[in-house]
Every structure is written in structure tokens, then in C-alpha cells.
Amino acid sequence: MITMIAAVARNRAIGYRNKLIYWLPNDLKRFKQLTTGHTIVMGRNTYLSLPKGALPNRRNVVLSSAYGHEKQEVRERMFPGCDVYASLKEALASCRQDEEVYIIGGASVYEQALAVADRLCLTEVDDTPAEADVFFPDYSGWREVNREEHEQDEKHAFRYAFVDYVRADAAE
């Protein structure tokens, strides 16, 4: 199963200057709960945006056309704790058939993965940010299967919903 996971604004904005636009503690908890024990696939810039590098208790896979073909020791030095591949196709080929794979960004990886993903686990934020330079691809053709609404509170500056989607043509 290949799942794309992200927090998206009304206009599908997801980032600005290589940082997440929204800091929603419940979204971060959900992300950790869903991805722990599984494989996460990300682009080089997403990896570089992580404050402490590779995320614990997950298989971290980084896509990098610049380093994907380097020797193993170079890849390990550049991306400690990660497997590195030159393309999404190579990375997915390295996964077992029964492996849960989460695509965690950035925009170009999401764009590539949309064609092969089975599910979207999105946090839809009720906001349109003033500044954004990275956007999630259009998912209007996907079918919503679950929605959990949350109100704004002292820890969350905006209303948001955890929304799961499957392909519109997926079997029930």
C-alpha cells in the first residue's frame, strides 16, 4: 500500500521556503502514529528540512538524482540512517509487496507518486496562507472515505480535518 500524507491548505499549499506552513500538534501526532514502523519516502529537500535528520522507528528513503548513484559510503555520509535512490521507481522497487509506504514530500515527489498511490491521508487546514511556494497536486478526482473534523483551539490556530481518500476508481 502506497499512501501520500500531508497537511494541505484550501489552495493545496504545503510549504514555504522549505518549511511546513502549519504547525498542528495533532497533525504531527497523527503523522507519527501512521508512519511509525513503516517506510517513508521523501525528496532530498524534505530530508534536509527535518530538524534531526532521519525519523526514528521508520525506514527512511530519500530520493536524490545527485546522490542516488553514488557509492554506498557517500550516500550514508550525506543521508545518515537513510536508503537513497535516484528515482521514485527505484525506491518503490526496493519495497516489499506487503510493505506500508508513506510518501511524505516534497511537491515533485507527491506529483510523481500520485499516479501510483493507493490512498491519501491528508490534514485539510481551513486556511489559505498569504505565502506559499510548494503545493500538493490536484486530488479532486479522489474519493473521500473518512473525515474527522477538528475545531480551532489553544494549540491549533485553524480548523482542520483528517481526511482519507482512495482513488475514485478503487473497488469498495
C-alpha atoms as a PDB file:
ATOM      1  CA  MET A   1       0.000   0.000   0.000  1.00  0.00           C
ATOM      2  CA  ILE A   2       1.336   3.398  -1.003  1.00  0.00           C
ATOM      3  CA  THR A   3      -0.062   6.346   0.935  1.00  0.00           C
ATOM      4  CA  MET A   4       0.622  10.032   0.433  1.00  0.00           C
ATOM      5  CA  ILE A   5       0.464  12.041   3.663  1.00  0.00           C
ATOM      6  CA  ALA A   6       0.455  15.834   4.019  1.00  0.00           C
ATOM      7  CA  ALA A   7      -1.139  18.866   5.643  1.00  0.00           C
ATOM      8  CA  VAL A   8      -2.736  20.984   2.912  1.00  0.00           C
ATOM      9  CA  ALA A   9      -4.358  24.415   2.855  1.00  0.00           C
ATOM     10  CA  ARG A  10      -7.568  25.191   0.965  1.00  0.00           C
ATOM     11  CA  ASN A  11      -5.427  26.080  -2.072  1.00  0.00           C
ATOM     12  CA  ARG A  12      -3.334  22.890  -1.604  1.00  0.00           C
ATOM     13  CA  ALA A  13      -0.347  24.886  -0.240  1.00  0.00           C
ATOM     14  CA  ILE A  14       2.005  22.711   1.802  1.00  0.00           C
ATOM     15  CA  GLY A  15       5.194  24.707   2.264  1.00  0.00           C
ATOM     16  CA  TYR A  16       7.125  27.919   2.104  1.00  0.00           C
ATOM     17  CA  ARG A  17      10.922  28.231   1.889  1.00  0.00           C
ATOM     18  CA  ASN A  18      11.431  24.518   2.603  1.00  0.00           C
ATOM     19  CA  LYS A  19       9.356  24.607   5.786  1.00  0.00           C
ATOM     20  CA  LEU A  20       5.871  23.373   6.600  1.00  0.00           C
ATOM     21  CA  ILE A  21       3.286  26.135   6.612  1.00  0.00           C
ATOM     22  CA  TYR A  22       1.297  24.720   9.533  1.00  0.00           C
ATOM     23  CA  TRP A  23       2.402  23.552  12.964  1.00  0.00           C
ATOM     24  CA  LEU A  24      -0.515  21.466  14.193  1.00  0.00           C
ATOM     25  CA  PRO A  25       0.386  19.204  17.144  1.00  0.00           C
ATOM     26  CA  ASN A  26      -2.451  16.759  16.412  1.00  0.00           C
ATOM     27  CA  ASP A  27      -1.343  16.510  12.776  1.00  0.00           C
ATOM     28  CA  LEU A  28       2.201  15.699  13.910  1.00  0.00           C
ATOM     29  CA  LYS A  29       0.862  13.046  16.311  1.00  0.00           C
ATOM     30  CA  ARG A  30      -1.224  11.513  13.532  1.00  0.00           C
ATOM     31  CA  PHE A  31       1.778  11.545  11.192  1.00  0.00           C
ATOM     32  CA  LYS A  32       3.895   9.742  13.793  1.00  0.00           C
ATOM     33  CA  GLN A  33       1.137   7.236  14.593  1.00  0.00           C
ATOM     34  CA  LEU A  34       0.536   6.361  10.929  1.00  0.00           C
ATOM     35  CA  THR A  35       4.159   6.210   9.752  1.00  0.00           C
ATOM     36  CA  THR A  36       5.975   4.602  12.714  1.00  0.00           C
ATOM     37  CA  GLY A  37       7.121   1.106  11.860  1.00  0.00           C
ATOM     38  CA  HIS A  38       6.728   1.702   8.132  1.00  0.00           C
ATOM     39  CA  THR A  39       8.687   3.124   5.200  1.00  0.00           C
ATOM     40  CA  ILE A  40       8.689   6.857   4.488  1.00  0.00           C
ATOM     41  CA  VAL A  41       9.819   8.174   1.101  1.00  0.00           C
ATOM     42  CA  MET A  42      10.895  11.779   0.670  1.00  0.00           C
ATOM     43  CA  GLY A  43      12.832  14.055  -1.614  1.00  0.00           C
ATOM     44  CA  ARG A  44      16.247  15.450  -0.693  1.00  0.00           C
ATOM     45  CA  ASN A  45      14.886  18.864   0.340  1.00  0.00           C
ATOM     46  CA  THR A  46      12.284  17.288   2.597  1.00  0.00           C
ATOM     47  CA  TYR A  47      15.021  15.257   4.265  1.00  0.00           C
ATOM     48  CA  LEU A  48      17.144  18.398   4.695  1.00  0.00           C
ATOM     49  CA  SER A  49      14.170  20.190   6.309  1.00  0.00           C
ATOM     50  CA  LEU A  50      13.907  17.571   9.080  1.00  0.00           C
ATOM     51  CA  PRO A  51      15.361  19.075  12.276  1.00  0.00           C
ATOM     52  CA  LYS A  52      17.151  15.892  13.387  1.00  0.00           C
ATOM     53  CA  GLY A  53      17.608  14.029  10.107  1.00  0.00           C
ATOM     54  CA  ALA A  54      16.173  10.547   9.627  1.00  0.00           C
ATOM     55  CA  LEU A  55      12.945   9.941  11.544  1.00  0.00           C
ATOM     56  CA  PRO A  56      13.230   7.203  14.180  1.00  0.00           C
ATOM     57  CA  ASN A  57      11.487   3.836  14.032  1.00  0.00           C
ATOM     58  CA  ARG A  58      10.877   4.022  10.284  1.00  0.00           C
ATOM     59  CA  ARG A  59      12.728   3.018   7.161  1.00  0.00           C
ATOM     60  CA  ASN A  60      13.749   6.398   5.723  1.00  0.00           C
ATOM     61  CA  VAL A  61      14.123   6.547   1.936  1.00  0.00           C
ATOM     62  CA  VAL A  62      15.489   9.662   0.262  1.00  0.00           C
ATOM     63  CA  LEU A  63      15.195  10.375  -3.455  1.00  0.00           C
ATOM     64  CA  SER A  64      18.171  12.210  -4.884  1.00  0.00           C
ATOM     65  CA  SER A  65      19.196  12.200  -8.514  1.00  0.00           C
ATOM     66  CA  ALA A  66      22.502  13.802  -7.442  1.00  0.00           C
ATOM     67  CA  TYR A  67      23.413  11.157  -4.843  1.00  0.00           C
ATOM     68  CA  GLY A  68      21.294   8.144  -5.793  1.00  0.00           C
ATOM     69  CA  HIS A  69      24.051   6.641  -7.936  1.00  0.00           C
ATOM     70  CA  GLU A  70      26.935   7.474  -5.572  1.00  0.00           C
ATOM     71  CA  LYS A  71      28.778   4.778  -3.648  1.00  0.00           C
ATOM     72  CA  GLN A  72      27.062   3.489  -0.508  1.00  0.00           C
ATOM     73  CA  GLU A  73      29.533   5.220   1.840  1.00  0.00           C
ATOM     74  CA  VAL A  74      28.877   8.606   0.171  1.00  0.00           C
ATOM     75  CA  ARG A  75      25.104   8.110   0.469  1.00  0.00           C
ATOM     76  CA  GLU A  76      25.438   7.112   4.137  1.00  0.00           C
ATOM     77  CA  ARG A  77      27.553  10.193   4.870  1.00  0.00           C
ATOM     78  CA  MET A  78      25.143  12.559   3.087  1.00  0.00           C
ATOM     79  CA  PHE A  79      21.923  10.949   4.401  1.00  0.00           C
ATOM     80  CA  PRO A  80      22.715   9.053   7.631  1.00  0.00           C
ATOM     81  CA  GLY A  81      20.145   6.427   8.533  1.00  0.00           C
ATOM     82  CA  CYS A  82      18.533   6.512   5.087  1.00  0.00           C
ATOM     83  CA  ASP A  83      18.377   4.425   1.966  1.00  0.00           C
ATOM     84  CA  VAL A  84      19.000   6.620  -1.079  1.00  0.00           C
ATOM     85  CA  TYR A  85      17.660   6.068  -4.587  1.00  0.00           C
ATOM     86  CA  ALA A  86      17.866   8.120  -7.764  1.00  0.00           C
ATOM     87  CA  SER A  87      14.148   7.811  -8.557  1.00  0.00           C
ATOM     88  CA  LEU A  88      10.774   7.013  -7.043  1.00  0.00           C
ATOM     89  CA  LYS A  89      10.551   3.960  -9.298  1.00  0.00           C
ATOM     90  CA  GLU A  90      13.827   2.562  -7.896  1.00  0.00           C
ATOM     91  CA  ALA A  91      12.773   3.330  -4.328  1.00  0.00           C
ATOM     92  CA  LEU A  92       9.398   1.610  -4.697  1.00  0.00           C
ATOM     93  CA  ALA A  93      11.052  -1.384  -6.370  1.00  0.00           C
ATOM     94  CA  SER A  94      13.143  -1.797  -3.199  1.00  0.00           C
ATOM     95  CA  CYS A  95       9.988  -2.189  -1.081  1.00  0.00           C
ATOM     96  CA  ARG A  96       8.347  -5.500  -0.274  1.00  0.00           C
ATOM     97  CA  GLN A  97       4.887  -6.140  -1.725  1.00  0.00           C
ATOM     98  CA  ASP A  98       3.312  -6.080   1.772  1.00  0.00           C
ATOM     99  CA  GLU A  99       5.233  -3.020   2.956  1.00  0.00           C
ATOM    100  CA  GLU A 100       3.311   0.099   4.057  1.00  0.00           C
ATOM    101  CA  VAL A 101       4.923   3.020   2.216  1.00  0.00           C
ATOM    102  CA  TYR A 102       4.205   6.661   3.052  1.00  0.00           C
ATOM    103  CA  ILE A 103       5.176   9.421   0.637  1.00  0.00           C
ATOM    104  CA  ILE A 104       5.948  12.476   2.809  1.00  0.00           C
ATOM    105  CA  GLY A 105       7.057  15.105   0.263  1.00  0.00           C
ATOM    106  CA  GLY A 106       8.042  17.342  -1.335  1.00  0.00           C
ATOM    107  CA  ALA A 107       5.954  18.628  -4.174  1.00  0.00           C
ATOM    108  CA  SER A 108       7.767  16.867  -7.029  1.00  0.00           C
ATOM    109  CA  VAL A 109       7.710  13.537  -5.168  1.00  0.00           C
ATOM    110  CA  TYR A 110       3.990  13.961  -4.486  1.00  0.00           C
ATOM    111  CA  GLU A 111       3.433  14.772  -8.164  1.00  0.00           C
ATOM    112  CA  GLN A 112       5.248  11.593  -9.255  1.00  0.00           C
ATOM    113  CA  ALA A 113       3.596   9.419  -6.602  1.00  0.00           C
ATOM    114  CA  LEU A 114       0.032  10.497  -7.340  1.00  0.00           C
ATOM    115  CA  ALA A 115      -0.107   8.052 -10.265  1.00  0.00           C
ATOM    116  CA  VAL A 116       0.887   5.044  -8.117  1.00  0.00           C
ATOM    117  CA  ALA A 117      -0.579   5.895  -4.701  1.00  0.00           C
ATOM    118  CA  ASP A 118      -3.459   3.881  -3.271  1.00  0.00           C
ATOM    119  CA  ARG A 119      -4.521   6.288  -0.540  1.00  0.00           C
ATOM    120  CA  LEU A 120      -4.193   9.896   0.620  1.00  0.00           C
ATOM    121  CA  CYS A 121      -4.099  10.741   4.329  1.00  0.00           C
ATOM    122  CA  LEU A 122      -4.479  14.495   4.394  1.00  0.00           C
ATOM    123  CA  THR A 123      -4.898  17.086   7.076  1.00  0.00           C
ATOM    124  CA  GLU A 124      -7.020  19.704   5.340  1.00  0.00           C
ATOM    125  CA  VAL A 125      -6.470  23.063   7.024  1.00  0.00           C
ATOM    126  CA  ASP A 126      -9.252  25.648   6.834  1.00  0.00           C
ATOM    127  CA  ASP A 127      -6.937  28.444   5.708  1.00  0.00           C
ATOM    128  CA  THR A 128      -5.282  29.933   2.650  1.00  0.00           C
ATOM    129  CA  PRO A 129      -1.777  31.132   3.578  1.00  0.00           C
ATOM    130  CA  ALA A 130      -0.507  34.521   2.458  1.00  0.00           C
ATOM    131  CA  GLU A 131       2.758  32.950   1.297  1.00  0.00           C
ATOM    132  CA  ALA A 132       3.413  29.520  -0.155  1.00  0.00           C
ATOM    133  CA  ASP A 133       5.799  28.206  -2.777  1.00  0.00           C
ATOM    134  CA  VAL A 134       5.039  24.471  -2.665  1.00  0.00           C
ATOM    135  CA  PHE A 135       1.686  22.862  -3.424  1.00  0.00           C
ATOM    136  CA  PHE A 136       0.176  19.382  -3.218  1.00  0.00           C
ATOM    137  CA  PRO A 137      -1.038  18.050  -6.575  1.00  0.00           C
ATOM    138  CA  ASP A 138      -4.714  18.221  -7.517  1.00  0.00           C
ATOM    139  CA  TYR A 139      -6.578  15.331  -5.895  1.00  0.00           C
ATOM    140  CA  SER A 140     -10.109  16.368  -6.878  1.00  0.00           C
ATOM    141  CA  GLY A 141     -10.594  13.041  -8.687  1.00  0.00           C
ATOM    142  CA  TRP A 142     -10.099  11.026  -5.492  1.00  0.00           C
ATOM    143  CA  ARG A 143     -12.973   9.698  -3.361  1.00  0.00           C
ATOM    144  CA  GLU A 144     -13.266  10.663   0.307  1.00  0.00           C
ATOM    145  CA  VAL A 145     -13.726   7.655   2.603  1.00  0.00           C
ATOM    146  CA  ASN A 146     -13.246   9.155   6.060  1.00  0.00           C
ATOM    147  CA  ARG A 147     -13.323  12.635   7.640  1.00  0.00           C
ATOM    148  CA  GLU A 148     -12.631  13.689  11.223  1.00  0.00           C
ATOM    149  CA  GLU A 149     -13.292  17.400  11.874  1.00  0.00           C
ATOM    150  CA  HIS A 150     -11.405  19.436  14.493  1.00  0.00           C
ATOM    151  CA  GLU A 151     -12.088  22.962  15.716  1.00  0.00           C
ATOM    152  CA  GLN A 152      -9.544  25.673  16.312  1.00  0.00           C
ATOM    153  CA  ASP A 153      -8.189  25.621  19.890  1.00  0.00           C
ATOM    154  CA  GLU A 154      -5.308  26.926  22.003  1.00  0.00           C
ATOM    155  CA  LYS A 155      -2.815  24.616  20.235  1.00  0.00           C
ATOM    156  CA  HIS A 156      -4.273  24.800  16.730  1.00  0.00           C
ATOM    157  CA  ALA A 157      -4.651  28.201  15.062  1.00  0.00           C
ATOM    158  CA  PHE A 158      -7.038  26.895  12.382  1.00  0.00           C
ATOM    159  CA  ARG A 159      -9.920  24.487  11.965  1.00  0.00           C
ATOM    160  CA  TYR A 160      -8.743  21.296  10.260  1.00  0.00           C
ATOM    161  CA  ALA A 161      -9.902  17.832   9.302  1.00  0.00           C
ATOM    162  CA  PHE A 162      -8.149  14.498   8.961  1.00  0.00           C
ATOM    163  CA  VAL A 163      -9.413  13.231   5.602  1.00  0.00           C
ATOM    164  CA  ASP A 164      -8.650   9.913   3.936  1.00  0.00           C
ATOM    165  CA  TYR A 165      -9.115   9.382   0.217  1.00  0.00           C
ATOM    166  CA  VAL A 166      -8.871   6.458  -2.182  1.00  0.00           C
ATOM    167  CA  ARG A 167      -8.789   6.515  -5.945  1.00  0.00           C
ATOM    168  CA  ALA A 168     -12.233   7.250  -7.370  1.00  0.00           C
ATOM    169  CA  ASP A 169     -11.987   4.061  -9.427  1.00  0.00           C
ATOM    170  CA  ALA A 170     -10.920   1.900  -6.447  1.00  0.00           C
ATOM    171  CA  ALA A 171     -13.169  -1.022  -5.577  1.00  0.00           C
ATOM    172  CA  GLU A 172     -15.334  -0.704  -2.468  1.00  0.00           C
END
